[in-house]
C-alpha atoms as a PDB file:
ATOM      1  CA  MET A   1     -29.846  32.880 -32.642  1.00  0.00           C
ATOM      2  CA  LYS A   2     -28.287  35.105 -30.016  1.00  0.00           C
ATOM      3  CA  THR A   3     -24.802  35.923 -28.857  1.00  0.00           C
ATOM      4  CA  ILE A   4     -23.855  34.911 -25.311  1.00  0.00           C
ATOM      5  CA  SER A   5     -20.886  35.633 -23.089  1.00  0.00           C
ATOM      6  CA  VAL A   6     -18.620  32.849 -21.881  1.00  0.00           C
ATOM      7  CA  SER A   7     -15.642  32.769 -19.584  1.00  0.00           C
ATOM      8  CA  LYS A   8     -13.000  32.306 -22.287  1.00  0.00           C
ATOM      9  CA  ALA A   9     -14.807  32.643 -25.594  1.00  0.00           C
ATOM     10  CA  GLU A  10     -17.768  34.157 -27.291  1.00  0.00           C
ATOM     11  CA  VAL A  11     -20.020  31.491 -28.726  1.00  0.00           C
ATOM     12  CA  ASN A  12     -23.429  31.332 -30.283  1.00  0.00           C
ATOM     13  CA  VAL A  13     -26.260  29.383 -28.713  1.00  0.00           C
ATOM     14  CA  GLU A  14     -29.195  28.029 -30.651  1.00  0.00           C
ATOM     15  CA  LYS A  15     -32.278  26.829 -28.794  1.00  0.00           C
ATOM     16  CA  GLU A  16     -33.337  23.391 -29.869  1.00  0.00           C
ATOM     17  CA  SER A  17     -35.764  20.878 -28.487  1.00  0.00           C
ATOM     18  CA  ASN A  18     -32.960  19.011 -26.750  1.00  0.00           C
ATOM     19  CA  GLY A  19     -31.386  22.151 -25.267  1.00  0.00           C
ATOM     20  CA  PRO A  20     -28.856  24.743 -26.352  1.00  0.00           C
ATOM     21  CA  LYS A  21     -26.179  24.000 -28.905  1.00  0.00           C
ATOM     22  CA  TYR A  22     -22.935  25.947 -28.658  1.00  0.00           C
ATOM     23  CA  PHE A  23     -20.586  26.847 -31.484  1.00  0.00           C
ATOM     24  CA  VAL A  24     -16.884  27.321 -30.759  1.00  0.00           C
ATOM     25  CA  ASN A  25     -14.432  28.925 -33.177  1.00  0.00           C
ATOM     26  CA  ILE A  26     -11.302  26.841 -33.799  1.00  0.00           C
ATOM     27  CA  GLU A  27      -8.855  28.157 -36.390  1.00  0.00           C
ATOM     28  CA  GLY A  28     -11.640  30.114 -38.084  1.00  0.00           C
ATOM     29  CA  VAL A  29     -14.098  27.210 -38.248  1.00  0.00           C
ATOM     30  CA  GLU A  30     -17.217  27.087 -36.083  1.00  0.00           C
ATOM     31  CA  HIS A  31     -17.882  23.717 -34.468  1.00  0.00           C
ATOM     32  CA  ALA A  32     -21.185  22.730 -32.867  1.00  0.00           C
ATOM     33  CA  TRP A  33     -20.875  21.758 -29.199  1.00  0.00           C
ATOM     34  CA  SER A  34     -23.670  20.480 -26.954  1.00  0.00           C
ATOM     35  CA  LYS A  35     -22.115  20.935 -23.474  1.00  0.00           C
ATOM     36  CA  ASN A  36     -21.405  24.089 -21.472  1.00  0.00           C
ATOM     37  CA  THR A  37     -17.773  23.063 -20.916  1.00  0.00           C
ATOM     38  CA  ILE A  38     -14.967  21.999 -23.217  1.00  0.00           C
ATOM     39  CA  THR A  39     -11.470  20.754 -22.413  1.00  0.00           C
ATOM     40  CA  THR A  40      -8.236  21.533 -24.221  1.00  0.00           C
ATOM     41  CA  GLU A  41      -8.155  17.944 -25.462  1.00  0.00           C
ATOM     42  CA  GLU A  42     -11.681  18.285 -26.857  1.00  0.00           C
ATOM     43  CA  ILE A  43     -10.690  21.531 -28.578  1.00  0.00           C
ATOM     44  CA  ALA A  44      -7.728  19.738 -30.162  1.00  0.00           C
ATOM     45  CA  GLN A  45      -9.948  16.838 -31.215  1.00  0.00           C
ATOM     46  CA  LEU A  46     -12.464  19.189 -32.832  1.00  0.00           C
ATOM     47  CA  GLY A  47      -9.619  21.013 -34.537  1.00  0.00           C
ATOM     48  CA  GLY A  48      -8.287  17.757 -35.932  1.00  0.00           C
ATOM     49  CA  TRP A  49      -4.831  17.695 -34.374  1.00  0.00           C
ATOM     50  CA  GLY A  50      -3.034  15.533 -31.854  1.00  0.00           C
ATOM     51  CA  THR A  51      -0.871  16.365 -28.851  1.00  0.00           C
ATOM     52  CA  GLU A  52       0.593  19.696 -29.948  1.00  0.00           C
ATOM     53  CA  GLY A  53      -1.402  21.565 -27.279  1.00  0.00           C
ATOM     54  CA  VAL A  54      -3.897  24.422 -27.525  1.00  0.00           C
ATOM     55  CA  ILE A  55      -3.260  28.170 -27.764  1.00  0.00           C
ATOM     56  CA  GLU A  56      -5.920  30.749 -26.893  1.00  0.00           C
ATOM     57  CA  ILE A  57      -5.822  33.923 -29.025  1.00  0.00           C
ATOM     58  CA  ASP A  58      -7.852  37.012 -28.169  1.00  0.00           C
ATOM     59  CA  ALA A  59      -9.024  39.841 -30.429  1.00  0.00           C
ATOM     60  CA  ASP A  60      -5.733  41.686 -29.865  1.00  0.00           C
ATOM     61  CA  ASN A  61      -3.781  38.617 -31.072  1.00  0.00           C
ATOM     62  CA  VAL A  62      -2.437  37.994 -27.570  1.00  0.00           C
ATOM     63  CA  GLU A  63      -1.617  34.298 -27.225  1.00  0.00           C
ATOM     64  CA  GLN A  64      -1.832  32.138 -24.108  1.00  0.00           C
ATOM     65  CA  THR A  65      -1.038  28.436 -23.979  1.00  0.00           C
ATOM     66  CA  LEU A  66      -3.731  26.489 -22.150  1.00  0.00           C
ATOM     67  CA  ALA A  67      -2.738  23.826 -19.657  1.00  0.00           C
ATOM     68  CA  PRO A  68      -3.336  20.121 -20.394  1.00  0.00           C
ATOM     69  CA  ASN A  69      -6.783  19.019 -19.180  1.00  0.00           C
ATOM     70  CA  GLU A  70      -7.811  22.655 -18.626  1.00  0.00           C
ATOM     71  CA  ILE A  71     -11.592  23.101 -18.674  1.00  0.00           C
ATOM     72  CA  VAL A  72     -13.143  26.076 -20.475  1.00  0.00           C
ATOM     73  CA  ASN A  73     -16.546  27.040 -19.080  1.00  0.00           C
ATOM     74  CA  LEU A  74     -19.184  28.166 -21.564  1.00  0.00           C
ATOM     75  CA  LYS A  75     -21.619  30.206 -19.485  1.00  0.00           C
ATOM     76  CA  PRO A  76     -24.557  32.050 -21.033  1.00  0.00           C
ATOM     77  CA  GLY A  77     -24.751  35.728 -20.173  1.00  0.00           C
ATOM     78  CA  HIS A  78     -24.489  39.114 -21.835  1.00  0.00           C
ATOM     79  CA  GLY A  79     -22.572  39.390 -25.082  1.00  0.00           C
ATOM     80  CA  PHE A  80     -19.171  41.057 -25.108  1.00  0.00           C
ATOM     81  CA  ALA A  81     -16.932  42.310 -27.866  1.00  0.00           C
ATOM     82  CA  LYS A  82     -13.715  40.333 -27.512  1.00  0.00           C
ATOM     83  CA  LYS A  83     -13.915  37.050 -29.346  1.00  0.00           C
ATOM     84  CA  ILE A  84     -11.439  34.304 -28.514  1.00  0.00           C
ATOM     85  CA  ARG A  85     -10.338  31.605 -30.899  1.00  0.00           C
ATOM     86  CA  TRP A  86      -8.139  28.580 -30.409  1.00  0.00           C
ATOM     87  CA  GLN A  87      -5.351  27.032 -32.447  1.00  0.00           C
ATOM     88  CA  ARG A  88      -2.906  24.185 -31.999  1.00  0.00           C
ATOM     89  CA  GLY A  89       0.165  24.792 -29.859  1.00  0.00           C
ATOM     90  CA  ASP A  90       3.704  23.519 -30.351  1.00  0.00           C
ATOM     91  CA  GLY A  91       4.019  21.475 -27.178  1.00  0.00           C
ATOM     92  CA  VAL A  92       6.344  24.008 -25.510  1.00  0.00           C
ATOM     93  CA  PHE A  93       4.258  24.068 -22.324  1.00  0.00           C
ATOM     94  CA  ASP A  94       4.219  20.266 -22.078  1.00  0.00           C
ATOM     95  CA  HIS A  95       7.960  20.046 -22.675  1.00  0.00           C
ATOM     96  CA  ARG A  96       8.598  22.672 -20.005  1.00  0.00           C
ATOM     97  CA  LEU A  97       6.499  20.744 -17.473  1.00  0.00           C
ATOM     98  CA  ALA A  98       8.406  17.551 -18.266  1.00  0.00           C
ATOM     99  CA  ASP A  99      11.675  19.392 -17.630  1.00  0.00           C
ATOM    100  CA  GLU A 100      10.284  20.822 -14.392  1.00  0.00           C
ATOM    101  CA  LEU A 101       9.342  17.332 -13.200  1.00  0.00           C
ATOM    102  CA  TYR A 102      12.806  15.976 -13.943  1.00  0.00           C
ATOM    103  CA  HIS A 103      14.366  18.958 -12.142  1.00  0.00           C
ATOM    104  CA  LEU A 104      12.145  18.482  -9.076  1.00  0.00           C
ATOM    105  CA  GLN A 105      12.861  14.763  -8.948  1.00  0.00           C
ATOM    106  CA  GLY A 106      16.551  15.538  -8.751  1.00  0.00           C
ATOM    107  CA  HIS A 107      16.021  17.297  -5.406  1.00  0.00           C
ATOM    108  CA  PHE A 108      12.975  15.606  -3.846  1.00  0.00           C
ATOM    109  CA  LYS A 109      12.566  11.829  -3.517  1.00  0.00           C
ATOM    110  CA  ASN A 110       8.865  11.468  -4.278  1.00  0.00           C
ATOM    111  CA  VAL A 111       7.421  13.826  -6.889  1.00  0.00           C
ATOM    112  CA  GLU A 112       4.333  13.155  -8.987  1.00  0.00           C
ATOM    113  CA  GLN A 113       2.740  15.061 -11.853  1.00  0.00           C
ATOM    114  CA  GLN A 114      -0.809  15.214 -13.193  1.00  0.00           C
ATOM    115  CA  GLY A 115      -1.212  17.710 -16.001  1.00  0.00           C
ATOM    116  CA  ASN A 116       0.067  21.053 -14.747  1.00  0.00           C
ATOM    117  CA  TRP A 117      -0.095  19.888 -11.103  1.00  0.00           C
ATOM    118  CA  PHE A 118       2.811  18.564  -9.054  1.00  0.00           C
ATOM    119  CA  LEU A 119       2.886  16.721  -5.737  1.00  0.00           C
ATOM    120  CA  ILE A 120       5.849  16.410  -3.377  1.00  0.00           C
ATOM    121  CA  ARG A 121       5.264  13.655  -0.863  1.00  0.00           C
ATOM    122  CA  ASP A 122       6.629  13.837   2.696  1.00  0.00           C
ATOM    123  CA  TYR A 123       7.838  17.430   2.573  1.00  0.00           C
ATOM    124  CA  LEU A 124       9.664  18.058   5.877  1.00  0.00           C
ATOM    125  CA  LEU A 125       7.978  20.685   8.072  1.00  0.00           C
ATOM    126  CA  PRO A 126       9.683  22.827  10.745  1.00  0.00           C
ATOM    127  CA  ASP A 127       9.056  22.177  14.450  1.00  0.00           C
ATOM    128  CA  GLY A 128       5.720  23.356  15.795  1.00  0.00           C
ATOM    129  CA  TRP A 129       3.487  22.040  13.044  1.00  0.00           C
ATOM    130  CA  SER A 130       0.962  19.308  13.784  1.00  0.00           C
ATOM    131  CA  VAL A 131       2.855  16.817  11.600  1.00  0.00           C
ATOM    132  CA  LYS A 132       6.545  16.339  10.815  1.00  0.00           C
ATOM    133  CA  LYS A 133       5.941  15.642   7.121  1.00  0.00           C
ATOM    134  CA  ALA A 134       3.148  16.567   4.742  1.00  0.00           C
ATOM    135  CA  ASP A 135       2.312  16.079   1.091  1.00  0.00           C
ATOM    136  CA  ILE A 136       2.433  19.440  -0.706  1.00  0.00           C
ATOM    137  CA  ALA A 137       0.815  20.121  -4.076  1.00  0.00           C
ATOM    138  CA  PHE A 138       1.228  23.093  -6.399  1.00  0.00           C
ATOM    139  CA  ARG A 139       0.772  23.904 -10.061  1.00  0.00           C
ATOM    140  CA  ALA A 140       2.103  25.774 -13.054  1.00  0.00           C
ATOM    141  CA  MET A 141      -0.454  28.405 -14.029  1.00  0.00           C
ATOM    142  CA  PRO A 142      -1.603  28.944 -17.632  1.00  0.00           C
ATOM    143  CA  GLY A 143       1.037  31.069 -19.336  1.00  0.00           C
ATOM    144  CA  TYR A 144       3.855  29.613 -17.199  1.00  0.00           C
ATOM    145  CA  PRO A 145       6.742  30.428 -16.941  1.00  0.00           C
ATOM    146  CA  GLY A 146       5.736  33.971 -17.848  1.00  0.00           C
ATOM    147  CA  THR A 147       2.937  33.707 -15.290  1.00  0.00           C
ATOM    148  CA  PRO A 148       4.385  32.880 -11.841  1.00  0.00           C
ATOM    149  CA  PRO A 149       2.984  30.005  -9.766  1.00  0.00           C
ATOM    150  CA  TYR A 150       0.662  30.831  -6.884  1.00  0.00           C
ATOM    151  CA  GLY A 151      -0.345  29.010  -3.707  1.00  0.00           C
ATOM    152  CA  PHE A 152       0.564  25.645  -2.280  1.00  0.00           C
ATOM    153  CA  PHE A 153      -1.774  22.958  -1.017  1.00  0.00           C
ATOM    154  CA  VAL A 154      -1.511  20.753   2.075  1.00  0.00           C
ATOM    155  CA  PRO A 155      -3.801  18.124   3.616  1.00  0.00           C
ATOM    156  CA  THR A 156      -6.732  19.689   5.455  1.00  0.00           C
ATOM    157  CA  GLY A 157      -6.274  20.170   9.191  1.00  0.00           C
ATOM    158  CA  LEU A 158      -2.653  21.289   9.276  1.00  0.00           C
ATOM    159  CA  ARG A 159      -2.060  23.470  12.363  1.00  0.00           C
ATOM    160  CA  TYR A 160       0.815  25.299  14.001  1.00  0.00           C
ATOM    161  CA  LYS A 161       0.796  24.785  17.787  1.00  0.00           C
ATOM    162  CA  GLU A 162      -2.938  24.036  17.511  1.00  0.00           C
ATOM    163  CA  THR A 163      -3.524  27.387  15.768  1.00  0.00           C
ATOM    164  CA  MET A 164      -5.033  27.914  12.332  1.00  0.00           C
ATOM    165  CA  PRO A 165      -2.356  29.490  10.097  1.00  0.00           C
ATOM    166  CA  SER A 166      -2.936  32.905   8.560  1.00  0.00           C
ATOM    167  CA  ASN A 167      -3.332  33.270   4.794  1.00  0.00           C
ATOM    168  CA  TYR A 168      -4.623  29.712   4.751  1.00  0.00           C
ATOM    169  CA  GLN A 169      -7.972  28.173   3.764  1.00  0.00           C
ATOM    170  CA  ASP A 170      -8.923  24.835   5.255  1.00  0.00           C
ATOM    171  CA  ILE A 171     -11.785  24.236   2.813  1.00  0.00           C
ATOM    172  CA  ILE A 172     -11.343  25.059  -0.872  1.00  0.00           C
ATOM    173  CA  ALA A 173     -13.250  24.391  -4.068  1.00  0.00           C
ATOM    174  CA  ASP A 174     -10.320  24.354  -6.488  1.00  0.00           C
ATOM    175  CA  VAL A 175      -8.542  21.250  -5.241  1.00  0.00           C
ATOM    176  CA  PRO A 176      -5.490  19.404  -6.611  1.00  0.00           C
ATOM    177  CA  PRO A 177      -6.162  16.253  -8.678  1.00  0.00           C
ATOM    178  CA  PHE A 178      -4.612  14.054  -5.986  1.00  0.00           C
ATOM    179  CA  ALA A 179      -6.391  11.895  -3.411  1.00  0.00           C
ATOM    180  CA  GLY A 180      -7.390  13.374  -0.072  1.00  0.00           C
ATOM    181  CA  GLU A 181      -8.834  16.637   1.244  1.00  0.00           C
ATOM    182  CA  TRP A 182      -6.827  19.800   0.729  1.00  0.00           C
ATOM    183  CA  GLY A 183      -6.321  23.254   2.192  1.00  0.00           C
ATOM    184  CA  MET A 184      -4.371  26.063   0.558  1.00  0.00           C
ATOM    185  CA  PHE A 185      -1.749  28.583   1.642  1.00  0.00           C
ATOM    186  CA  SER A 186      -1.871  31.857  -0.272  1.00  0.00           C
ATOM    187  CA  TRP A 187       1.747  32.197  -1.332  1.00  0.00           C
ATOM    188  CA  SER A 188       3.576  33.773  -4.235  1.00  0.00           C
ATOM    189  CA  PRO A 189       7.225  34.392  -5.113  1.00  0.00           C
ATOM    190  CA  ILE A 190       8.637  37.695  -3.849  1.00  0.00           C
ATOM    191  CA  GLU A 191      10.231  38.083  -7.262  1.00  0.00           C
ATOM    192  CA  TRP A 192       9.937  36.053 -10.425  1.00  0.00           C
ATOM    193  CA  ARG A 193      12.507  36.175 -13.238  1.00  0.00           C
ATOM    194  CA  PRO A 194      11.621  33.376 -15.653  1.00  0.00           C
ATOM    195  CA  SER A 195      13.545  32.181 -18.681  1.00  0.00           C
ATOM    196  CA  ASP A 196      12.823  29.813 -21.536  1.00  0.00           C
ATOM    197  CA  ASP A 197      15.855  27.908 -20.230  1.00  0.00           C
ATOM    198  CA  LEU A 198      14.726  26.334 -16.946  1.00  0.00           C
ATOM    199  CA  ARG A 199      18.231  26.458 -15.460  1.00  0.00           C
ATOM    200  CA  LYS A 200      18.812  30.131 -16.237  1.00  0.00           C
ATOM    201  CA  GLY A 201      15.634  31.522 -14.712  1.00  0.00           C
ATOM    202  CA  PHE A 202      13.243  30.905 -11.826  1.00  0.00           C
ATOM    203  CA  ASN A 203      11.434  27.571 -11.884  1.00  0.00           C
ATOM    204  CA  LEU A 204       9.121  25.325  -9.872  1.00  0.00           C
ATOM    205  CA  LEU A 205      12.004  23.979  -7.814  1.00  0.00           C
ATOM    206  CA  ASN A 206      12.717  27.520  -6.587  1.00  0.00           C
ATOM    207  CA  PHE A 207       9.025  27.834  -5.766  1.00  0.00           C
ATOM    208  CA  ALA A 208       8.963  24.498  -3.914  1.00  0.00           C
ATOM    209  CA  TYR A 209      11.952  25.514  -1.788  1.00  0.00           C
ATOM    210  CA  SER A 210      10.194  28.772  -0.901  1.00  0.00           C
ATOM    211  CA  PHE A 211       7.425  26.861   0.917  1.00  0.00           C
ATOM    212  CA  MET A 212       9.872  26.391   3.784  1.00  0.00           C
ATOM    213  CA  ASN A 213      10.098  30.176   4.179  1.00  0.00           C
ATOM    214  CA  ARG A 214       6.358  30.356   4.785  1.00  0.00           C
ATOM    215  CA  LEU A 215       6.288  27.315   7.056  1.00  0.00           C
ATOM    216  CA  GLN A 216       9.090  28.685   9.199  1.00  0.00           C
ATOM    217  CA  GLU A 217       6.911  31.712   9.916  1.00  0.00           C
ATOM    218  CA  GLY A 218       4.531  29.445  11.868  1.00  0.00           C
ATOM    219  CA  ALA A 219       0.950  30.573  12.228  1.00  0.00           C
END
């Protein structure tokens, strides 16, 4: 038995004839796990609860709510001291995302949601871009709204007067869960003052409106 380092947790790995078996700590109980990844839903299933969500707690008792469908990578490596455990959440993150969707739909005609990802279809672009409208995707990061959103995603090949935009990647690995091929603009709010009350603090609608500021800059 040896201790290995993983991206979000310390687990034990035991060599068996059919490969390594991982053990993940959920509410103080170690559960055997055969794969090198685990989703929030699988954590909840192992823990024996339903749709309350999953909270990650580090050795300093700092809590972070994991996003729905988030994948935790269990990668063997060198051991490290901070152990992470998981417990059930209270659904606050899910409820906030539902409110965000409703708020977005009140200002944009076609908005879709998959997990912590959102898609605005036919976002109007300023003059000079290679298309007049484009689908734009973005997401709420783990820890939202305390953690501000970052980046927005457009279909690959978007150009401004036939020029590749700056702070933009045409080929990315971390793509939105929507059909098509995607590029990403590096973009973050100039300031971010969140609140537990969506209408009293900054929210994803504010972020979506800010895309126009970047697009008006051109290339």
